[in-house]
Each structure stands twice: as C-alpha cells, then as structure tokens.
C-alpha cells in the first residue's frame, strides 16, 4: 500500500508509529517507572476516547499506521476494548497493540481480542514473587501469569514479554524468564534500565546491558543467531536459538537506536512528544477542546516532528532528564 511520507524530520526519519498513553494511573509502583506515592492527573484532564481516535485519524492521514496503547496501566481505563475498536476502524491503521502489566488481562483478554487487538506486550521482570514485589512494590505475579494464559485462550498469537534489566537486581531472573518464554512461545525482550524513574534512582552503573544479558543466555542456554530486521524502526535486536525460541534486546543506553526511530507519542493529558526524553511538548488538547481543525492538529504534529533532535543524548554530558517520569509519558 502506498502511504504518504509526511512526518519526516530533519534527519530523514519517517514517523509511522504512534504511542498513545490512555492513563497515568497504575495498579503497580515499579521502581523504574513510578514513585511509591504517585500523584495522578484528574480524570477530566485525560483525553476522551473520541479525542484520541480523532488524533489517530489525523496521524494516519500523515502516514502513521501502527498504534500502541500504553499508560500507566491502560487496562485501568474503563472499557479499553471500545477504544481499540475505534482505532482499528481508522483508515490507514494496520495494527493496534497494547502494553500492559497483565494484572487485569485475565478479565479483559477476550473483549480486547474481539475488538480487533492483535498484539500484546506484557511487562514481566521476574518469575519469583519476592523479586516481583521488590520491583513492583505490589504483589501480583500470579495474576500476570493468569492473564497470559487467558490471552492465549482468547487467541493472541503475538505476545511479547518485556523485562527491564537492572544491575544488582535482575541478574538471576535472566535465565528463568528465557526458559519460561521459550517453553510458552512468548517473544522475550530485555530492556535496559533508562533514566525515566520518578525518584531519580537511575545511575549508569545500574544499567545491565543487553550485551551482558546476551552473554548469560548464551552461556546458560546456547548460542544465539541474529535475525534480519523486518522493520527498520523496531528498537529490538532479535535473536533465535537453533532449537527454537526468540529473544530481543532493546538497548537505549548502550546501543541507542535513535538513527532509525519512527515513533511519536501522545500523553494521556493530550501532549505530543517526539521522544521519550523530550523536554518539550506540543499541546494538542488545546486544539481538541478549543475548536481546532484537523488541519491545525496536523500542523502541530508536523511541528513536533520537525523539532526532533538527532538523538536522546543519554550518553552525553548535555543530557537533561525530562521533567516527567515514564508513567506520565507512556511507555
């Protein structure tokens, strides 16, 4: 299908992936994402489903064709399946995915699948309840596993497991997670710890690199063979074991993929962002609620893309942490 190549930045990157946060609320308090005592936006400040669908339609008209719904925890938003159905129906959108912690997945998997959702990303950092609770500051491992089982029964064939790697905390989780995902047929991806926690606990020394994780997997399970990337904007570098099983590494700290980034973000309270680490936002809610036209929304999105920097700069002295933490931006 021929698509417009409108959202192209000054470095030639074409933007086709829109990450939409539907809420900043969450039923966990993961240390790499949220403070123990979080303050959330009033519900009236969050975009309504119809507003989100309108922005998605404008973005699709500019060449965006994949959407991922995030949070916070998106399944906390009432009747998320209704939003999925709205987005699936937007002309030009090929895929709608959801990133979730899985706690509410058992109750909602069937409705999400029926609404047209085809892919799930489930965050799971440990298969041990004590470690799970240490990271999430809540219990719930059994509910996540029940949610994964329910997703399988609902017909989801593409389920990715996202595991954040933190030195001094998750080294012992690497092999059990890999064996579990190989057995269950899940696509496991290890993600380096990023400076987006709300309590400023991030330190470069706590980054457990993708290279180190891969070395553990090859030593304990077997050699990995790199796959050829089918999607140049995909942040993960994927590998396979000869006897089956797929694992990916998302290394934004040690191996930034900014040169091929194709994503834009819409926060739950209606702000466009051109990078997770952006220190600037573009207020689309003002247009949505102030009588703005679709053409004005498109112009604002183009402005956001045009201002995108070459890289996030985590590894440079000039790097400035964004004012918002991960849960306020959308993962």
C-alpha atoms as a PDB file:
ATOM      1  CA  UNK A   1       0.000   0.000   0.000  1.00  0.00           C
ATOM      2  CA  UNK A   2       1.290   3.451  -0.915  1.00  0.00           C
ATOM      3  CA  UNK A   3       1.459   5.755   2.107  1.00  0.00           C
ATOM      4  CA  UNK A   4       2.128   9.456   2.446  1.00  0.00           C
ATOM      5  CA  UNK A   5       5.610  10.240   3.774  1.00  0.00           C
ATOM      6  CA  UNK A   6       4.653  13.459   5.523  1.00  0.00           C
ATOM      7  CA  UNK A   7       6.038  13.051   9.043  1.00  0.00           C
ATOM      8  CA  UNK A   8       9.713  13.170   8.093  1.00  0.00           C
ATOM      9  CA  UNK A   9      12.132  15.007  10.371  1.00  0.00           C
ATOM     10  CA  UNK A  10      15.277  16.970   9.570  1.00  0.00           C
ATOM     11  CA  UNK A  11      17.339  13.769   9.686  1.00  0.00           C
ATOM     12  CA  UNK A  12      15.214  11.868   7.193  1.00  0.00           C
ATOM     13  CA  UNK A  13      13.423   9.657   9.717  1.00  0.00           C
ATOM     14  CA  UNK A  14       9.892   8.771   8.671  1.00  0.00           C
ATOM     15  CA  UNK A  15       7.450   8.524  11.583  1.00  0.00           C
ATOM     16  CA  UNK A  16       4.828   5.807  11.284  1.00  0.00           C
ATOM     17  CA  UNK A  17       4.322   4.602  14.868  1.00  0.00           C
ATOM     18  CA  UNK A  18       2.135   6.471  17.365  1.00  0.00           C
ATOM     19  CA  UNK A  19       2.353   5.586  21.070  1.00  0.00           C
ATOM     20  CA  UNK A  20      -0.781   6.689  22.904  1.00  0.00           C
ATOM     21  CA  UNK A  21      -0.952   6.761  26.690  1.00  0.00           C
ATOM     22  CA  UNK A  22      -4.535   6.453  27.899  1.00  0.00           C
ATOM     23  CA  UNK A  23      -3.879   6.972  31.615  1.00  0.00           C
ATOM     24  CA  UNK A  24      -1.101   7.775  34.059  1.00  0.00           C
ATOM     25  CA  UNK A  25      -2.690   5.568  36.743  1.00  0.00           C
ATOM     26  CA  UNK A  26      -1.300   2.150  37.563  1.00  0.00           C
ATOM     27  CA  UNK A  27      -2.001  -0.709  39.951  1.00  0.00           C
ATOM     28  CA  UNK A  28       1.742  -1.331  40.444  1.00  0.00           C
ATOM     29  CA  UNK A  29       4.507   1.041  41.523  1.00  0.00           C
ATOM     30  CA  UNK A  30       7.526  -0.261  39.610  1.00  0.00           C
ATOM     31  CA  UNK A  31      10.680   1.443  40.789  1.00  0.00           C
ATOM     32  CA  UNK A  32      11.952   2.184  37.281  1.00  0.00           C
ATOM     33  CA  UNK A  33       8.716   3.951  36.324  1.00  0.00           C
ATOM     34  CA  UNK A  34       6.822   5.448  39.274  1.00  0.00           C
ATOM     35  CA  UNK A  35       7.260   6.835  42.781  1.00  0.00           C
ATOM     36  CA  UNK A  36       5.903   4.855  45.705  1.00  0.00           C
ATOM     37  CA  UNK A  37       3.305   7.574  46.276  1.00  0.00           C
ATOM     38  CA  UNK A  38       2.229   8.845  42.880  1.00  0.00           C
ATOM     39  CA  UNK A  39       0.005  11.820  42.134  1.00  0.00           C
ATOM     40  CA  UNK A  40      -2.250  11.364  39.119  1.00  0.00           C
ATOM     41  CA  UNK A  41      -3.956  13.758  36.734  1.00  0.00           C
ATOM     42  CA  UNK A  42      -7.657  14.438  37.367  1.00  0.00           C
ATOM     43  CA  UNK A  43      -9.739  12.284  35.044  1.00  0.00           C
ATOM     44  CA  UNK A  44     -11.203  15.299  33.242  1.00  0.00           C
ATOM     45  CA  UNK A  45      -7.695  16.224  32.076  1.00  0.00           C
ATOM     46  CA  UNK A  46      -7.298  12.930  30.229  1.00  0.00           C
ATOM     47  CA  UNK A  47      -8.291  12.717  26.584  1.00  0.00           C
ATOM     48  CA  UNK A  48     -11.635  11.064  25.854  1.00  0.00           C
ATOM     49  CA  UNK A  49     -11.689   8.074  23.521  1.00  0.00           C
ATOM     50  CA  UNK A  50     -13.260  10.153  20.748  1.00  0.00           C
ATOM     51  CA  UNK A  51     -10.465  12.710  21.087  1.00  0.00           C
ATOM     52  CA  UNK A  52      -7.831  10.001  20.903  1.00  0.00           C
ATOM     53  CA  UNK A  53      -9.473   8.492  17.815  1.00  0.00           C
ATOM     54  CA  UNK A  54      -9.556  11.904  16.151  1.00  0.00           C
ATOM     55  CA  UNK A  55      -5.828  12.415  16.711  1.00  0.00           C
ATOM     56  CA  UNK A  56      -5.157   8.892  15.432  1.00  0.00           C
ATOM     57  CA  UNK A  57      -7.109   9.617  12.250  1.00  0.00           C
ATOM     58  CA  UNK A  58      -5.104  12.794  11.637  1.00  0.00           C
ATOM     59  CA  UNK A  59      -1.833  10.930  12.259  1.00  0.00           C
ATOM     60  CA  UNK A  60      -2.919   8.126   9.925  1.00  0.00           C
ATOM     61  CA  UNK A  61      -3.554  10.706   7.226  1.00  0.00           C
ATOM     62  CA  UNK A  62       0.082  11.762   7.656  1.00  0.00           C
ATOM     63  CA  UNK A  63       1.468   8.239   7.314  1.00  0.00           C
ATOM     64  CA  UNK A  64       1.218   6.710  10.793  1.00  0.00           C
ATOM     65  CA  UNK A  65      -0.024   3.134  10.522  1.00  0.00           C
ATOM     66  CA  UNK A  66       0.696   1.426  13.845  1.00  0.00           C
ATOM     67  CA  UNK A  67      -0.597   2.373  17.291  1.00  0.00           C
ATOM     68  CA  UNK A  68       0.377   1.117  20.713  1.00  0.00           C
ATOM     69  CA  UNK A  69      -1.758   1.923  23.739  1.00  0.00           C
ATOM     70  CA  UNK A  70       0.202   2.443  26.935  1.00  0.00           C
ATOM     71  CA  UNK A  71      -0.002   4.001  30.388  1.00  0.00           C
ATOM     72  CA  UNK A  72       0.319   3.930  33.316  1.00  0.00           C
ATOM     73  CA  UNK A  73      -1.670   0.749  33.077  1.00  0.00           C
ATOM     74  CA  UNK A  74      -4.026   1.033  30.087  1.00  0.00           C
ATOM     75  CA  UNK A  75      -6.365  -1.733  31.274  1.00  0.00           C
ATOM     76  CA  UNK A  76      -7.358   0.514  34.185  1.00  0.00           C
ATOM     77  CA  UNK A  77      -9.139   2.757  31.686  1.00  0.00           C
ATOM     78  CA  UNK A  78     -12.800   1.725  31.599  1.00  0.00           C
ATOM     79  CA  UNK A  79     -13.827  -0.345  28.555  1.00  0.00           C
ATOM     80  CA  UNK A  80     -10.493  -0.091  26.785  1.00  0.00           C
ATOM     81  CA  UNK A  81     -11.854  -2.509  24.185  1.00  0.00           C
ATOM     82  CA  UNK A  82     -14.156   0.272  22.975  1.00  0.00           C
ATOM     83  CA  UNK A  83     -11.123   2.450  22.216  1.00  0.00           C
ATOM     84  CA  UNK A  84      -9.409  -0.452  20.455  1.00  0.00           C
ATOM     85  CA  UNK A  85     -12.464  -0.871  18.235  1.00  0.00           C
ATOM     86  CA  UNK A  86     -12.442   2.848  17.373  1.00  0.00           C
ATOM     87  CA  UNK A  87      -8.756   2.771  16.452  1.00  0.00           C
ATOM     88  CA  UNK A  88      -8.909  -0.444  14.459  1.00  0.00           C
ATOM     89  CA  UNK A  89     -11.590   1.216  12.322  1.00  0.00           C
ATOM     90  CA  UNK A  90      -9.404   4.237  11.464  1.00  0.00           C
ATOM     91  CA  UNK A  91      -8.469   4.100   7.752  1.00  0.00           C
ATOM     92  CA  UNK A  92      -4.740   3.557   7.347  1.00  0.00           C
ATOM     93  CA  UNK A  93      -4.136   1.957  10.744  1.00  0.00           C
ATOM     94  CA  UNK A  94      -2.756  -1.545  10.219  1.00  0.00           C
ATOM     95  CA  UNK A  95      -2.188  -2.644  13.798  1.00  0.00           C
ATOM     96  CA  UNK A  96      -3.222  -1.687  17.300  1.00  0.00           C
ATOM     97  CA  UNK A  97      -1.225  -3.134  20.204  1.00  0.00           C
ATOM     98  CA  UNK A  98      -1.381  -2.731  23.986  1.00  0.00           C
ATOM     99  CA  UNK A  99       1.408  -2.681  26.547  1.00  0.00           C
ATOM    100  CA  UNK A 100       0.149  -3.867  29.936  1.00  0.00           C
ATOM    101  CA  UNK A 101       1.421  -5.179  33.251  1.00  0.00           C
ATOM    102  CA  UNK A 102      -1.060  -8.026  32.863  1.00  0.00           C
ATOM    103  CA  UNK A 103      -2.822  -7.769  36.218  1.00  0.00           C
ATOM    104  CA  UNK A 104      -6.233  -7.179  34.606  1.00  0.00           C
ATOM    105  CA  UNK A 105      -5.608  -9.181  31.469  1.00  0.00           C
ATOM    106  CA  UNK A 106      -7.476 -12.308  32.536  1.00  0.00           C
ATOM    107  CA  UNK A 107     -10.687 -10.296  32.801  1.00  0.00           C
ATOM    108  CA  UNK A 108     -10.222  -8.322  29.571  1.00  0.00           C
ATOM    109  CA  UNK A 109      -8.325 -10.512  27.084  1.00  0.00           C
ATOM    110  CA  UNK A 110     -11.443 -11.867  25.369  1.00  0.00           C
ATOM    111  CA  UNK A 111     -13.021  -8.426  24.859  1.00  0.00           C
ATOM    112  CA  UNK A 112      -9.758  -6.927  23.601  1.00  0.00           C
ATOM    113  CA  UNK A 113      -9.351  -9.701  21.045  1.00  0.00           C
ATOM    114  CA  UNK A 114     -12.969  -9.342  19.947  1.00  0.00           C
ATOM    115  CA  UNK A 115     -12.410  -5.601  19.445  1.00  0.00           C
ATOM    116  CA  UNK A 116      -9.594  -6.284  16.980  1.00  0.00           C
ATOM    117  CA  UNK A 117      -6.473  -6.157  19.123  1.00  0.00           C
ATOM    118  CA  UNK A 118      -3.836  -8.449  17.644  1.00  0.00           C
ATOM    119  CA  UNK A 119      -0.705  -7.928  19.723  1.00  0.00           C
ATOM    120  CA  UNK A 120       0.074  -7.722  23.424  1.00  0.00           C
ATOM    121  CA  UNK A 121       3.214  -6.552  25.183  1.00  0.00           C
ATOM    122  CA  UNK A 122       3.222  -7.726  28.795  1.00  0.00           C
ATOM    123  CA  UNK A 123       5.723  -6.383  31.333  1.00  0.00           C
ATOM    124  CA  UNK A 124       7.212  -9.153  33.471  1.00  0.00           C
ATOM    125  CA  UNK A 125      10.554  -8.680  35.198  1.00  0.00           C
ATOM    126  CA  UNK A 126      10.667 -11.794  37.388  1.00  0.00           C
ATOM    127  CA  UNK A 127       9.027 -15.179  37.924  1.00  0.00           C
ATOM    128  CA  UNK A 128       9.744 -15.038  41.660  1.00  0.00           C
ATOM    129  CA  UNK A 129       7.104 -13.339  43.790  1.00  0.00           C
ATOM    130  CA  UNK A 130       9.640 -11.806  46.169  1.00  0.00           C
ATOM    131  CA  UNK A 131      11.601 -10.168  43.352  1.00  0.00           C
ATOM    132  CA  UNK A 132       8.406  -9.202  41.537  1.00  0.00           C
ATOM    133  CA  UNK A 133       7.215  -7.433  44.685  1.00  0.00           C
ATOM    134  CA  UNK A 134      10.584  -5.784  45.278  1.00  0.00           C
ATOM    135  CA  UNK A 135      10.427  -4.217  41.806  1.00  0.00           C
ATOM    136  CA  UNK A 136       6.682  -3.544  41.582  1.00  0.00           C
ATOM    137  CA  UNK A 137       6.119  -2.690  45.261  1.00  0.00           C
ATOM    138  CA  UNK A 138       2.933  -4.727  44.978  1.00  0.00           C
ATOM    139  CA  UNK A 139       2.082  -8.423  44.778  1.00  0.00           C
ATOM    140  CA  UNK A 140       0.545  -9.857  41.638  1.00  0.00           C
ATOM    141  CA  UNK A 141       2.758 -12.355  39.817  1.00  0.00           C
ATOM    142  CA  UNK A 142       0.003 -14.998  39.869  1.00  0.00           C
ATOM    143  CA  UNK A 143      -2.406 -12.549  38.217  1.00  0.00           C
ATOM    144  CA  UNK A 144       0.082 -11.742  35.455  1.00  0.00           C
ATOM    145  CA  UNK A 145       0.565 -15.435  34.700  1.00  0.00           C
ATOM    146  CA  UNK A 146      -3.201 -15.975  34.720  1.00  0.00           C
ATOM    147  CA  UNK A 147      -3.542 -13.056  32.320  1.00  0.00           C
ATOM    148  CA  UNK A 148      -1.021 -14.565  29.912  1.00  0.00           C
ATOM    149  CA  UNK A 149      -2.911 -17.855  29.951  1.00  0.00           C
ATOM    150  CA  UNK A 150      -6.188 -16.029  29.296  1.00  0.00           C
ATOM    151  CA  UNK A 151      -4.624 -14.137  26.397  1.00  0.00           C
ATOM    152  CA  UNK A 152      -3.609 -17.419  24.819  1.00  0.00           C
ATOM    153  CA  UNK A 153      -7.149 -18.769  25.199  1.00  0.00           C
ATOM    154  CA  UNK A 154      -8.510 -15.580  23.648  1.00  0.00           C
ATOM    155  CA  UNK A 155      -6.453 -16.256  20.534  1.00  0.00           C
ATOM    156  CA  UNK A 156      -3.497 -13.892  20.858  1.00  0.00           C
ATOM    157  CA  UNK A 157      -0.674 -15.393  18.845  1.00  0.00           C
ATOM    158  CA  UNK A 158       1.763 -12.494  19.180  1.00  0.00           C
ATOM    159  CA  UNK A 159       2.627 -11.954  22.846  1.00  0.00           C
ATOM    160  CA  UNK A 160       5.797 -10.141  23.808  1.00  0.00           C
ATOM    161  CA  UNK A 161       7.241 -10.178  27.301  1.00  0.00           C
ATOM    162  CA  UNK A 162       9.163  -7.038  28.289  1.00  0.00           C
ATOM    163  CA  UNK A 163      11.698  -7.410  31.104  1.00  0.00           C
ATOM    164  CA  UNK A 164      13.681  -4.455  32.437  1.00  0.00           C
ATOM    165  CA  UNK A 165      17.283  -5.302  33.290  1.00  0.00           C
ATOM    166  CA  UNK A 166      18.757  -3.639  36.393  1.00  0.00           C
ATOM    167  CA  UNK A 167      22.239  -4.476  37.651  1.00  0.00           C
ATOM    168  CA  UNK A 168      22.248  -5.782  41.187  1.00  0.00           C
ATOM    169  CA  UNK A 169      18.595  -6.770  40.987  1.00  0.00           C
ATOM    170  CA  UNK A 170      17.592  -8.823  37.954  1.00  0.00           C
ATOM    171  CA  UNK A 171      20.659 -10.876  37.006  1.00  0.00           C
ATOM    172  CA  UNK A 172      19.130 -14.053  38.458  1.00  0.00           C
ATOM    173  CA  UNK A 173      15.904 -13.502  36.510  1.00  0.00           C
ATOM    174  CA  UNK A 174      17.503 -13.705  33.054  1.00  0.00           C
ATOM    175  CA  UNK A 175      17.645 -17.461  32.555  1.00  0.00           C
ATOM    176  CA  UNK A 176      14.320 -18.384  34.222  1.00  0.00           C
ATOM    177  CA  UNK A 177      12.488 -15.806  32.111  1.00  0.00           C
ATOM    178  CA  UNK A 178      14.165 -17.039  28.941  1.00  0.00           C
ATOM    179  CA  UNK A 179      13.320 -20.679  29.664  1.00  0.00           C
ATOM    180  CA  UNK A 180       9.737 -19.772  30.537  1.00  0.00           C
ATOM    181  CA  UNK A 181       9.255 -17.796  27.311  1.00  0.00           C
ATOM    182  CA  UNK A 182      10.889 -20.498  25.194  1.00  0.00           C
ATOM    183  CA  UNK A 183       8.564 -23.068  26.689  1.00  0.00           C
ATOM    184  CA  UNK A 184       5.451 -20.924  26.277  1.00  0.00           C
ATOM    185  CA  UNK A 185       6.315 -19.493  22.868  1.00  0.00           C
ATOM    186  CA  UNK A 186       6.461 -15.866  24.017  1.00  0.00           C
ATOM    187  CA  UNK A 187       8.808 -13.339  22.423  1.00  0.00           C
ATOM    188  CA  UNK A 188      11.000 -12.156  25.290  1.00  0.00           C
ATOM    189  CA  UNK A 189      12.705  -8.762  25.135  1.00  0.00           C
ATOM    190  CA  UNK A 190      15.180  -7.431  27.677  1.00  0.00           C
ATOM    191  CA  UNK A 191      15.152  -3.633  28.064  1.00  0.00           C
ATOM    192  CA  UNK A 192      17.974  -1.625  29.579  1.00  0.00           C
ATOM    193  CA  UNK A 193      17.145   0.476  32.642  1.00  0.00           C
ATOM    194  CA  UNK A 194      16.526   4.063  31.481  1.00  0.00           C
ATOM    195  CA  UNK A 195      16.628   7.412  33.338  1.00  0.00           C
ATOM    196  CA  UNK A 196      12.838   7.770  33.449  1.00  0.00           C
ATOM    197  CA  UNK A 197      12.141   6.703  37.027  1.00  0.00           C
ATOM    198  CA  UNK A 198      10.324   9.204  39.214  1.00  0.00           C
ATOM    199  CA  UNK A 199      12.709   9.019  42.174  1.00  0.00           C
ATOM    200  CA  UNK A 200      15.980   9.832  40.382  1.00  0.00           C
ATOM    201  CA  UNK A 201      17.447   6.456  41.319  1.00  0.00           C
ATOM    202  CA  UNK A 202      18.870   5.866  37.843  1.00  0.00           C
ATOM    203  CA  UNK A 203      22.616   5.626  37.634  1.00  0.00           C
ATOM    204  CA  UNK A 204      24.735   4.440  34.703  1.00  0.00           C
ATOM    205  CA  UNK A 205      26.315   1.800  36.948  1.00  0.00           C
ATOM    206  CA  UNK A 206      22.891   0.151  37.428  1.00  0.00           C
ATOM    207  CA  UNK A 207      22.401  -0.440  33.708  1.00  0.00           C
ATOM    208  CA  UNK A 208      22.586  -4.163  32.997  1.00  0.00           C
ATOM    209  CA  UNK A 209      23.473  -4.041  29.321  1.00  0.00           C
ATOM    210  CA  UNK A 210      21.888  -6.098  26.608  1.00  0.00           C
ATOM    211  CA  UNK A 211      25.331  -7.462  25.762  1.00  0.00           C
ATOM    212  CA  UNK A 212      25.765  -8.744  29.315  1.00  0.00           C
ATOM    213  CA  UNK A 213      22.304 -10.335  29.296  1.00  0.00           C
ATOM    214  CA  UNK A 214      23.003 -11.989  25.965  1.00  0.00           C
ATOM    215  CA  UNK A 215      26.287 -13.396  27.285  1.00  0.00           C
ATOM    216  CA  UNK A 216      24.426 -15.025  30.185  1.00  0.00           C
ATOM    217  CA  UNK A 217      21.847 -16.561  27.846  1.00  0.00           C
ATOM    218  CA  UNK A 218      24.469 -17.962  25.505  1.00  0.00           C
ATOM    219  CA  UNK A 219      26.459 -19.410  28.385  1.00  0.00           C
ATOM    220  CA  UNK A 220      23.477 -20.984  30.139  1.00  0.00           C
ATOM    221  CA  UNK A 221      21.159 -21.924  27.261  1.00  0.00           C
ATOM    222  CA  UNK A 222      23.036 -21.893  23.963  1.00  0.00           C
ATOM    223  CA  UNK A 223      24.328 -19.810  21.036  1.00  0.00           C
ATOM    224  CA  UNK A 224      22.069 -17.127  19.594  1.00  0.00           C
ATOM    225  CA  UNK A 225      21.800 -16.273  15.908  1.00  0.00           C
ATOM    226  CA  UNK A 226      20.847 -12.739  14.873  1.00  0.00           C
ATOM    227  CA  UNK A 227      17.668 -12.264  12.857  1.00  0.00           C
ATOM    228  CA  UNK A 228      17.384  -9.881   9.942  1.00  0.00           C
ATOM    229  CA  UNK A 229      15.238  -6.940  10.998  1.00  0.00           C
ATOM    230  CA  UNK A 230      11.945  -6.855   9.074  1.00  0.00           C
ATOM    231  CA  UNK A 231      11.013  -3.437  10.470  1.00  0.00           C
ATOM    232  CA  UNK A 232      13.804  -0.839  10.375  1.00  0.00           C
ATOM    233  CA  UNK A 233      12.091   1.170  13.128  1.00  0.00           C
ATOM    234  CA  UNK A 234      11.935  -1.776  15.503  1.00  0.00           C
ATOM    235  CA  UNK A 235      14.029  -0.920  18.597  1.00  0.00           C
ATOM    236  CA  UNK A 236      14.826  -4.524  19.470  1.00  0.00           C
ATOM    237  CA  UNK A 237      17.697  -6.518  18.011  1.00  0.00           C
ATOM    238  CA  UNK A 238      16.266 -10.028  17.790  1.00  0.00           C
ATOM    239  CA  UNK A 239      18.000 -13.402  18.028  1.00  0.00           C
ATOM    240  CA  UNK A 240      16.959 -17.061  17.858  1.00  0.00           C
ATOM    241  CA  UNK A 241      18.248 -20.244  19.373  1.00  0.00           C
ATOM    242  CA  UNK A 242      18.855 -23.051  16.915  1.00  0.00           C
ATOM    243  CA  UNK A 243      16.455 -25.327  18.787  1.00  0.00           C
ATOM    244  CA  UNK A 244      13.693 -22.716  18.962  1.00  0.00           C
ATOM    245  CA  UNK A 245      12.844 -19.590  20.886  1.00  0.00           C
ATOM    246  CA  UNK A 246      13.253 -15.910  20.155  1.00  0.00           C
ATOM    247  CA  UNK A 247      14.754 -13.186  22.311  1.00  0.00           C
ATOM    248  CA  UNK A 248      15.307  -9.493  21.701  1.00  0.00           C
ATOM    249  CA  UNK A 249      17.406  -6.770  23.274  1.00  0.00           C
ATOM    250  CA  UNK A 250      16.355  -3.125  23.491  1.00  0.00           C
ATOM    251  CA  UNK A 251      19.485  -1.189  24.399  1.00  0.00           C
ATOM    252  CA  UNK A 252      18.658   2.530  24.514  1.00  0.00           C
ATOM    253  CA  UNK A 253      21.600   3.295  26.811  1.00  0.00           C
ATOM    254  CA  UNK A 254      24.486   1.239  25.425  1.00  0.00           C
ATOM    255  CA  UNK A 255      23.329   0.929  21.802  1.00  0.00           C
ATOM    256  CA  UNK A 256      20.900   3.791  21.058  1.00  0.00           C
ATOM    257  CA  UNK A 257      18.647   3.278  18.039  1.00  0.00           C
ATOM    258  CA  UNK A 258      17.787   6.958  17.574  1.00  0.00           C
ATOM    259  CA  UNK A 259      19.006   6.924  13.970  1.00  0.00           C
ATOM    260  CA  UNK A 260      16.052   4.723  12.964  1.00  0.00           C
ATOM    261  CA  UNK A 261      13.414   5.907  15.425  1.00  0.00           C
ATOM    262  CA  UNK A 262       9.969   6.057  13.808  1.00  0.00           C
ATOM    263  CA  UNK A 263       7.787   6.823  16.820  1.00  0.00           C
ATOM    264  CA  UNK A 264       5.827   9.717  18.200  1.00  0.00           C
ATOM    265  CA  UNK A 265       3.923   9.932  21.465  1.00  0.00           C
ATOM    266  CA  UNK A 266       0.642  11.278  22.744  1.00  0.00           C
ATOM    267  CA  UNK A 267       0.378  11.591  26.507  1.00  0.00           C
ATOM    268  CA  UNK A 268      -2.809  10.810  28.396  1.00  0.00           C
ATOM    269  CA  UNK A 269      -3.346  14.517  29.035  1.00  0.00           C
ATOM    270  CA  UNK A 270      -3.036  15.461  25.389  1.00  0.00           C
ATOM    271  CA  UNK A 271       0.587  16.412  24.691  1.00  0.00           C
ATOM    272  CA  UNK A 272       2.572  15.377  21.623  1.00  0.00           C
ATOM    273  CA  UNK A 273       6.156  14.289  22.313  1.00  0.00           C
ATOM    274  CA  UNK A 274       8.774  13.407  19.706  1.00  0.00           C
ATOM    275  CA  UNK A 275      10.977  11.373  22.073  1.00  0.00           C
ATOM    276  CA  UNK A 276      10.701   9.612  25.407  1.00  0.00           C
ATOM    277  CA  UNK A 277      13.382  12.008  26.627  1.00  0.00           C
ATOM    278  CA  UNK A 278      11.964  15.156  25.097  1.00  0.00           C
ATOM    279  CA  UNK A 279      11.947  18.242  27.309  1.00  0.00           C
ATOM    280  CA  UNK A 280       9.353  19.932  25.084  1.00  0.00           C
ATOM    281  CA  UNK A 281       5.701  19.053  24.490  1.00  0.00           C
ATOM    282  CA  UNK A 282       3.096  20.220  21.963  1.00  0.00           C
ATOM    283  CA  UNK A 283      -0.401  20.779  23.360  1.00  0.00           C
ATOM    284  CA  UNK A 284      -2.954  19.085  21.114  1.00  0.00           C
ATOM    285  CA  UNK A 285      -5.629  19.018  23.820  1.00  0.00           C
ATOM    286  CA  UNK A 286      -5.874  22.794  23.472  1.00  0.00           C
ATOM    287  CA  UNK A 287      -6.878  22.311  19.845  1.00  0.00           C
ATOM    288  CA  UNK A 288      -9.178  19.384  20.523  1.00  0.00           C
ATOM    289  CA  UNK A 289     -11.130  21.264  23.165  1.00  0.00           C
ATOM    290  CA  UNK A 290     -10.811  24.726  21.689  1.00  0.00           C
ATOM    291  CA  UNK A 291     -12.407  24.217  18.290  1.00  0.00           C
ATOM    292  CA  UNK A 292      -9.195  23.437  16.422  1.00  0.00           C
ATOM    293  CA  UNK A 293      -9.425  21.895  12.977  1.00  0.00           C
ATOM    294  CA  UNK A 294      -7.868  18.659  11.781  1.00  0.00           C
ATOM    295  CA  UNK A 295      -5.540  20.760   9.650  1.00  0.00           C
ATOM    296  CA  UNK A 296      -4.334  22.553  12.777  1.00  0.00           C
ATOM    297  CA  UNK A 297      -3.777  19.238  14.547  1.00  0.00           C
ATOM    298  CA  UNK A 298      -1.784  18.013  11.551  1.00  0.00           C
ATOM    299  CA  UNK A 299       0.290  21.198  11.554  1.00  0.00           C
ATOM    300  CA  UNK A 300       1.061  20.754  15.256  1.00  0.00           C
ATOM    301  CA  UNK A 301       2.158  17.173  14.654  1.00  0.00           C
ATOM    302  CA  UNK A 302       4.416  18.286  11.813  1.00  0.00           C
ATOM    303  CA  UNK A 303       5.902  20.954  14.094  1.00  0.00           C
ATOM    304  CA  UNK A 304       6.591  18.303  16.738  1.00  0.00           C
ATOM    305  CA  UNK A 305       8.339  16.075  14.201  1.00  0.00           C
ATOM    306  CA  UNK A 306      10.356  18.950  12.748  1.00  0.00           C
ATOM    307  CA  UNK A 307      11.752  19.741  16.215  1.00  0.00           C
ATOM    308  CA  UNK A 308      13.002  16.208  16.868  1.00  0.00           C
ATOM    309  CA  UNK A 309      16.673  16.004  17.806  1.00  0.00           C
ATOM    310  CA  UNK A 310      19.165  13.657  16.227  1.00  0.00           C
ATOM    311  CA  UNK A 311      19.412  11.572  19.413  1.00  0.00           C
ATOM    312  CA  UNK A 312      18.315  11.491  23.041  1.00  0.00           C
ATOM    313  CA  UNK A 313      21.868  12.001  24.255  1.00  0.00           C
ATOM    314  CA  UNK A 314      21.808   9.756  27.345  1.00  0.00           C
ATOM    315  CA  UNK A 315      25.485   9.099  26.796  1.00  0.00           C
ATOM    316  CA  UNK A 316      26.452  12.784  26.520  1.00  0.00           C
ATOM    317  CA  UNK A 317      27.223  15.446  29.155  1.00  0.00           C
ATOM    318  CA  UNK A 318      24.425  17.607  27.715  1.00  0.00           C
ATOM    319  CA  UNK A 319      21.707  15.075  28.540  1.00  0.00           C
ATOM    320  CA  UNK A 320      18.844  16.528  30.578  1.00  0.00           C
ATOM    321  CA  UNK A 321      16.308  14.246  32.200  1.00  0.00           C
ATOM    322  CA  UNK A 322      12.714  15.020  31.214  1.00  0.00           C
ATOM    323  CA  UNK A 323      10.528  16.532  33.898  1.00  0.00           C
ATOM    324  CA  UNK A 324       8.060  13.672  33.589  1.00  0.00           C
ATOM    325  CA  UNK A 325       8.623  10.051  34.599  1.00  0.00           C
ATOM    326  CA  UNK A 326       7.759   7.050  32.435  1.00  0.00           C
ATOM    327  CA  UNK A 327       4.237   6.605  33.807  1.00  0.00           C
ATOM    328  CA  UNK A 328       3.416  10.226  32.956  1.00  0.00           C
ATOM    329  CA  UNK A 329       4.728   9.944  29.414  1.00  0.00           C
ATOM    330  CA  UNK A 330       3.641   6.483  28.322  1.00  0.00           C
ATOM    331  CA  UNK A 331       5.970   3.526  27.817  1.00  0.00           C
END
